[in-house]
Amino acid sequence: MGALNSEHPLRRSNTMTNDLPPFSDLPPFTDVSAGKDVLAPARHVIGSRYVQSVKAYVLELTGLRKAIGPKDPSTKDIRTDRVFIKVDEDGLINRLVIK
């Protein structure tokens, strides 16, 4: 088998990703494919006391598939369909993070 050339099907560029802005130009927590801040509808929970039901509420508002609470186990892989709900020492939500 010869080396891959620019005409090889595996070498074709993906026009969808070529049209996206560089990551440095995106606002935090952006759905790259849609170009929108997917956590915006749920940001009002920041400052509220964390309770287990907040996870379902955040998922409902954002359309994401998985919410991880402060004491929930999780893997370290990077996933764009998962939101971490971070809390401070008083149990108040202080951040929502997609990672």
Protein backbone atom coordinates (compact mmCIF):
# COMPACT_ATOMS: atom_id res chain seq x y z
CA MET A 1 0.00 0.00 0.00
CA GLY A 2 1.28 3.43 -0.89
CA ALA A 3 1.31 6.55 1.18
CA LEU A 4 -1.90 8.53 1.55
CA ASN A 5 -2.22 11.36 -0.92
CA SER A 6 -4.49 14.38 -0.98
CA GLU A 7 -7.06 12.51 -3.13
CA HIS A 8 -7.40 9.60 -0.70
CA PRO A 9 -10.89 9.46 0.93
CA LEU A 10 -9.36 9.55 4.41
CA ARG A 11 -7.58 12.78 3.51
CA ARG A 12 -10.69 14.70 2.50
CA SER A 13 -11.25 17.77 4.60
CA ASN A 14 -14.39 18.01 6.63
CA THR A 15 -16.08 21.22 5.51
CA MET A 16 -18.25 21.30 8.62
CA THR A 17 -15.29 21.63 10.95
CA ASN A 18 -13.43 23.96 8.59
CA ASP A 19 -16.29 26.46 8.83
CA LEU A 20 -16.17 26.64 12.63
CA PRO A 21 -14.37 29.48 14.41
CA PRO A 22 -11.20 28.64 16.34
CA PHE A 23 -11.87 27.49 19.92
CA SER A 24 -10.15 30.61 21.28
CA ASP A 25 -12.88 32.77 19.67
CA LEU A 26 -15.77 30.89 21.26
CA PRO A 27 -17.50 32.01 24.46
CA PRO A 28 -17.33 29.54 27.36
CA PHE A 29 -19.61 26.48 27.27
CA THR A 30 -20.41 26.83 23.58
CA ASP A 31 -22.03 24.12 21.51
CA VAL A 32 -19.61 24.32 18.59
CA SER A 33 -21.99 22.69 16.12
CA ALA A 34 -24.81 25.12 16.90
CA GLY A 35 -22.71 28.15 17.86
CA LYS A 36 -24.71 28.85 21.02
CA ASP A 37 -24.18 28.91 24.77
CA VAL A 38 -26.05 25.75 25.81
CA LEU A 39 -25.75 26.49 29.54
CA ALA A 40 -27.32 29.97 29.32
CA PRO A 41 -30.86 28.77 30.17
CA ALA A 42 -29.58 27.12 33.37
CA ARG A 43 -27.17 29.75 34.69
CA HIS A 44 -29.79 31.17 37.06
CA VAL A 45 -29.24 28.13 39.33
CA ILE A 46 -25.77 29.46 40.17
CA GLY A 47 -25.96 30.74 43.73
CA SER A 48 -28.73 28.29 44.68
CA ARG A 49 -28.28 25.47 47.16
CA TYR A 50 -27.47 22.18 45.43
CA VAL A 51 -30.09 19.46 45.78
CA GLN A 52 -30.25 16.24 43.77
CA SER A 53 -33.24 17.45 41.72
CA VAL A 54 -31.15 20.28 40.24
CA LYS A 55 -29.50 17.75 37.92
CA ALA A 56 -32.78 16.89 36.16
CA TYR A 57 -33.71 20.57 36.01
CA VAL A 58 -30.39 21.55 34.37
CA LEU A 59 -30.75 18.72 31.85
CA GLU A 60 -34.28 19.82 31.01
CA LEU A 61 -33.15 23.41 30.40
CA THR A 62 -30.01 22.62 28.43
CA GLY A 63 -30.89 19.49 26.48
CA LEU A 64 -27.67 17.81 27.61
CA ARG A 65 -27.69 14.08 28.32
CA LYS A 66 -25.90 13.76 31.68
CA ALA A 67 -25.46 15.91 34.79
CA ILE A 68 -22.79 15.17 37.37
CA GLY A 69 -23.36 16.45 40.90
CA PRO A 70 -20.60 17.39 43.33
CA LYS A 71 -20.30 13.92 44.89
CA ASP A 72 -21.21 11.83 41.85
CA PRO A 73 -18.54 9.54 40.38
CA SER A 74 -17.49 10.29 36.81
CA THR A 75 -14.89 9.42 34.24
CA LYS A 76 -12.17 11.85 33.16
CA ASP A 77 -12.91 11.64 29.44
CA ILE A 78 -13.98 14.82 27.68
CA ARG A 79 -17.65 14.78 26.69
CA THR A 80 -19.73 17.61 25.30
CA ASP A 81 -23.03 16.08 26.40
CA ARG A 82 -22.26 16.21 30.12
CA VAL A 83 -22.45 19.08 32.59
CA PHE A 84 -20.68 19.15 35.94
CA ILE A 85 -22.46 21.04 38.70
CA LYS A 86 -19.79 22.53 40.97
CA VAL A 87 -20.53 23.72 44.50
CA ASP A 88 -18.66 25.71 47.13
CA GLU A 89 -18.00 24.61 50.71
CA ASP A 90 -21.48 25.81 51.76
CA GLY A 91 -23.21 23.62 49.15
CA LEU A 92 -24.14 26.52 46.88
CA ILE A 93 -23.81 26.02 43.14
CA ASN A 94 -20.95 28.19 41.87
CA ARG A 95 -20.27 26.83 38.38
CA LEU A 96 -21.71 24.77 35.55
CA VAL A 97 -19.00 23.17 33.43
CA ILE A 98 -19.16 21.11 30.26
CA LYS A 99 -16.21 18.74 30.02
